[in-house]
Protein backbone atom coordinates (compact mmCIF):
# COMPACT_ATOMS: atom_id res chain seq x y z
CA MET A 1 38.42 11.14 -11.79
CA GLY A 2 40.76 13.02 -14.08
CA SER A 3 40.71 10.36 -16.80
CA HIS A 4 40.02 11.31 -20.42
CA ILE A 5 37.28 10.05 -22.72
CA ARG A 6 36.48 10.80 -26.33
CA PHE A 7 32.95 12.02 -27.10
CA GLY A 8 32.42 12.48 -30.81
CA GLU A 9 35.24 14.69 -31.99
CA GLU A 10 36.04 16.03 -28.52
CA ASP A 11 38.43 14.89 -25.83
CA MET A 12 36.89 15.36 -22.42
CA THR A 13 38.09 15.08 -18.84
CA VAL A 14 36.03 13.27 -16.19
CA ILE A 15 35.52 15.68 -13.28
CA GLY A 16 33.00 13.68 -11.29
CA VAL A 17 31.13 10.40 -10.96
CA THR A 18 27.59 10.17 -9.56
CA LYS A 19 25.32 7.40 -8.41
CA ASN A 20 22.65 6.15 -10.79
CA VAL A 21 20.39 8.96 -11.99
CA ILE A 22 16.95 8.11 -13.37
CA GLN A 23 16.49 10.63 -16.17
CA GLN A 24 13.70 9.22 -18.33
CA ASN A 25 11.40 6.27 -17.69
CA PRO A 26 11.50 5.24 -14.00
CA TYR A 27 10.27 1.75 -14.93
CA ASP A 28 13.37 0.88 -16.96
CA GLU A 29 16.82 0.04 -15.72
CA VAL A 30 19.25 2.95 -15.57
CA GLN A 31 21.57 3.06 -18.57
CA PRO A 32 25.12 4.48 -18.58
CA ALA A 33 25.06 8.21 -19.26
CA VAL A 34 27.48 11.09 -19.70
CA MET A 35 26.59 14.54 -18.40
CA LEU A 36 28.32 17.26 -20.34
CA MET A 37 29.17 20.66 -18.94
CA ARG A 38 28.77 23.19 -21.76
CA PRO A 39 27.95 26.67 -20.47
CA TYR A 40 27.70 28.03 -24.03
CA PHE A 41 25.22 25.36 -25.14
CA THR A 42 22.62 24.84 -22.40
CA PHE A 43 18.86 24.31 -22.64
CA GLN A 44 18.13 23.51 -19.02
CA GLY A 45 19.79 23.20 -15.66
CA LEU A 46 19.31 21.40 -12.37
CA ILE A 47 19.33 23.32 -9.10
CA ARG A 48 19.31 21.70 -5.68
CA PHE A 49 18.02 23.75 -2.76
CA LYS A 50 18.98 23.20 0.84
CA ASN A 51 16.15 22.24 3.19
CA GLU A 52 16.25 25.56 5.04
CA VAL A 53 16.01 27.67 1.86
CA ASP A 54 12.78 29.56 1.13
CA ILE A 55 11.85 28.24 -2.33
CA ARG A 56 9.84 31.30 -3.35
CA LYS A 57 12.65 33.72 -2.47
CA ALA A 58 15.21 31.51 -4.23
CA LEU A 59 13.14 31.38 -7.43
CA ALA A 60 12.60 35.13 -7.29
CA ALA A 61 16.38 35.60 -7.12
CA ILE A 62 17.10 33.11 -9.92
CA GLN A 63 14.52 34.43 -12.41
CA PRO A 64 16.19 37.77 -13.26
CA VAL A 65 19.53 36.03 -13.78
CA ILE A 66 18.03 33.53 -16.24
CA GLU A 67 16.12 36.25 -18.06
CA LYS A 68 19.25 38.38 -18.32
CA TYR A 69 21.31 35.71 -20.08
CA ASN A 70 18.43 34.03 -21.92
CA PRO A 71 15.87 36.74 -22.72
CA SER A 72 14.43 34.87 -25.71
CA TYR A 73 12.83 32.17 -23.58
CA PRO A 74 10.47 32.45 -20.61
CA PHE A 75 11.63 31.38 -17.17
CA GLU A 76 10.04 27.97 -16.53
CA TYR A 77 10.74 25.41 -13.85
CA GLN A 78 9.54 22.06 -12.53
CA PHE A 79 10.13 20.32 -9.22
CA VAL A 80 11.55 16.80 -9.25
CA ASP A 81 8.98 15.42 -6.80
CA ASP A 82 6.12 16.80 -8.92
CA GLU A 83 7.57 15.23 -12.06
CA TYR A 84 7.93 11.84 -10.42
CA ASN A 85 4.43 12.04 -8.99
CA ARG A 86 3.19 12.69 -12.53
CA LYS A 87 5.07 9.64 -13.83
CA PHE A 88 3.47 7.44 -11.15
CA ARG A 89 0.01 8.99 -11.43
CA THR A 90 -1.52 5.80 -12.85
CA GLU A 91 -0.15 3.67 -10.00
CA ASN A 92 -1.41 6.17 -7.43
CA GLN A 93 -4.90 6.12 -8.94
CA ILE A 94 -4.92 2.32 -9.03
CA GLY A 95 -3.82 2.27 -5.38
CA ARG A 96 -6.60 4.63 -4.30
CA LEU A 97 -9.24 2.65 -6.21
CA ALA A 98 -7.95 -0.63 -4.78
CA ALA A 99 -8.13 0.79 -1.26
CA ILE A 100 -11.72 2.00 -1.79
CA PHE A 101 -12.90 -1.35 -3.16
CA ALA A 102 -11.04 -3.22 -0.41
CA VAL A 103 -12.85 -1.20 2.26
CA LEU A 104 -16.18 -1.84 0.53
CA ALA A 105 -15.43 -5.56 0.29
CA ILE A 106 -14.56 -5.69 3.99
CA LEU A 107 -17.77 -3.88 4.95
CA ILE A 108 -19.90 -6.20 2.82
CA SER A 109 -18.10 -9.24 4.28
CA CYS A 110 -18.67 -7.96 7.82
CA LEU A 111 -22.39 -7.51 7.13
CA GLY A 112 -22.56 -11.05 5.78
CA LEU A 113 -20.66 -12.42 8.76
CA PHE A 114 -22.94 -10.56 11.16
CA GLY A 115 -26.05 -12.00 9.52
CA LEU A 116 -24.59 -15.50 9.36
CA ALA A 117 -23.54 -15.34 13.02
CA SER A 118 -27.05 -14.26 13.97
CA PHE A 119 -28.53 -17.14 11.98
CA MET A 120 -26.14 -19.72 13.46
CA ALA A 121 -26.74 -18.47 17.01
CA GLU A 122 -30.49 -18.74 16.50
CA ARG A 123 -30.20 -22.27 15.14
CA ARG A 124 -28.14 -23.38 18.15
CA THR A 125 -30.28 -21.68 20.78
CA LYS A 126 -31.34 -24.92 22.46
CA GLU A 127 -27.80 -26.31 22.36
CA ILE A 128 -26.54 -23.14 24.04
CA GLY A 129 -29.25 -23.43 26.71
CA VAL A 130 -28.34 -27.06 27.45
CA ARG A 131 -24.64 -26.23 27.69
CA LYS A 132 -25.37 -23.35 30.08
CA VAL A 133 -27.44 -25.62 32.29
CA LEU A 134 -24.56 -28.12 32.32
CA GLY A 135 -22.17 -25.37 33.51
CA ALA A 136 -20.66 -23.88 30.35
CA SER A 137 -19.29 -20.36 30.87
CA VAL A 138 -19.89 -17.37 28.61
CA SER A 139 -16.33 -17.52 27.29
CA GLN A 140 -16.70 -21.22 26.43
CA LEU A 141 -19.94 -20.56 24.57
CA TRP A 142 -18.35 -17.61 22.77
CA LEU A 143 -15.48 -19.85 21.71
CA LEU A 144 -17.93 -22.53 20.57
CA LEU A 145 -19.83 -20.13 18.33
CA SER A 146 -16.72 -18.35 17.02
CA GLN A 147 -14.39 -21.22 16.20
CA ASP A 148 -16.23 -22.29 13.03
CA PHE A 149 -16.00 -18.79 11.57
CA VAL A 150 -12.33 -18.43 12.52
CA LEU A 151 -11.54 -21.78 10.91
CA LEU A 152 -13.21 -20.68 7.66
CA VAL A 153 -11.24 -17.41 7.69
CA LEU A 154 -7.95 -19.27 8.22
CA ILE A 155 -8.73 -21.64 5.34
CA SER A 156 -9.57 -18.63 3.14
CA CYS A 157 -6.28 -16.95 4.06
CA ALA A 158 -4.36 -20.14 3.31
CA ILE A 159 -5.90 -20.25 -0.18
CA ALA A 160 -5.75 -16.51 -0.92
CA SER A 161 -2.18 -15.80 0.26
CA PRO A 162 -0.33 -17.92 -2.38
CA LEU A 163 -2.60 -16.55 -5.11
CA ALA A 164 -2.04 -12.96 -3.96
CA TYR A 165 1.73 -13.54 -3.78
CA TYR A 166 1.78 -14.97 -7.31
CA PHE A 167 -0.16 -12.09 -8.89
CA LEU A 168 1.78 -9.45 -6.94
CA GLN A 169 5.06 -10.94 -8.15
CA LYS A 170 3.82 -10.89 -11.75
CA TRP A 171 2.77 -7.25 -11.40
CA LEU A 172 6.05 -6.21 -9.77
CA ALA A 173 7.98 -7.96 -12.55
CA ASN A 174 7.03 -5.01 -14.79
CA TYR A 175 9.31 -2.75 -12.75
CA ASN A 176 13.08 -2.85 -12.58
CA TYR A 177 13.03 -1.05 -9.23
CA ARG A 178 10.60 -2.83 -6.92
CA ILE A 179 10.05 -3.87 -3.35
CA GLU A 180 10.36 -7.38 -2.00
CA ILE A 181 7.16 -8.89 -0.65
CA SER A 182 7.67 -10.05 2.92
CA PRO A 183 5.72 -13.07 4.25
CA PHE A 184 4.93 -10.94 7.31
CA VAL A 185 2.55 -8.94 5.10
CA PHE A 186 0.35 -11.99 4.61
CA LEU A 187 0.71 -12.97 8.26
CA ALA A 188 -0.43 -9.50 9.33
CA ALA A 189 -3.33 -9.65 6.85
CA GLY A 190 -4.39 -13.02 8.27
CA VAL A 191 -4.26 -11.75 11.85
CA ALA A 192 -6.25 -8.66 10.85
CA ALA A 193 -8.85 -10.84 9.10
CA VAL A 194 -9.27 -13.00 12.22
CA LEU A 195 -9.58 -9.94 14.47
CA VAL A 196 -12.18 -8.35 12.18
CA THR A 197 -14.09 -11.64 12.11
CA LEU A 198 -14.08 -11.94 15.90
CA ALA A 199 -15.12 -8.33 16.33
CA THR A 200 -17.98 -8.82 13.88
CA ILE A 201 -19.43 -12.03 15.29
CA SER A 202 -18.70 -11.44 18.99
CA PHE A 203 -21.81 -9.34 19.51
CA GLN A 204 -24.12 -12.15 18.38
CA SER A 205 -22.05 -14.84 20.10
CA ILE A 206 -21.98 -13.09 23.48
CA LYS A 207 -25.65 -12.14 23.17
CA ALA A 208 -26.57 -15.79 22.64
CA ALA A 209 -24.27 -16.92 25.45
CA LEU A 210 -25.87 -14.48 27.91
CA MET A 211 -29.43 -15.51 27.07
CA ASN A 212 -31.52 -17.01 29.86
CA PRO A 213 -31.24 -20.82 29.48
CA VAL A 214 -34.94 -21.21 30.32
CA LYS A 215 -35.89 -19.08 27.31
CA SER A 216 -33.32 -20.93 25.20
CA LEU A 217 -34.81 -24.31 26.02
CA ARG A 218 -38.35 -23.09 25.32
CA SER A 219 -37.45 -21.68 21.90
CA GLU A 220 -38.62 -23.50 18.80
């Protein structure tokens, strides 16, 4: 503050220092910049409104002032949040498409799991009947029919998580300002996958476990 710098042919005094300001491409690292205050040579200005200010009333008050001192140009304005949303429009569209396809993939997987659980329960009908006769409870039979599916899901998560981490890191490497991927994200995804699997196959598992053992033993 108060120090002097030379800019071209002019000596200038530093009157303020700000934090990093992203002015152009938000993907690139912020470069050093000098903001000049030249009231006689201005193309645009930045105005910050307080949260309690009515934006419409503020713009209505600013417009005649701008038009008075700059009548040759129309009064135009943009909001910072709108401009940044426009810069990240591609990422937002990719995110929405990824979410849609992820939901579709989960639904298709659930349908496949439901059909496979029904098939497995039917194949083990006699085994279930014998276990019930020998005293197996519904919860034990449910666990018996569910554990194979849960094991497959855990193996899938163990394979998919490192691959997902690798490709996410490569994608994030394109941005200078990026988040850090927490391992809890993959842990939460694994837990969610197990819960969805259990919710999908439980209907068939419990239905098979509640079946009359006499009918189970007579089935072909």
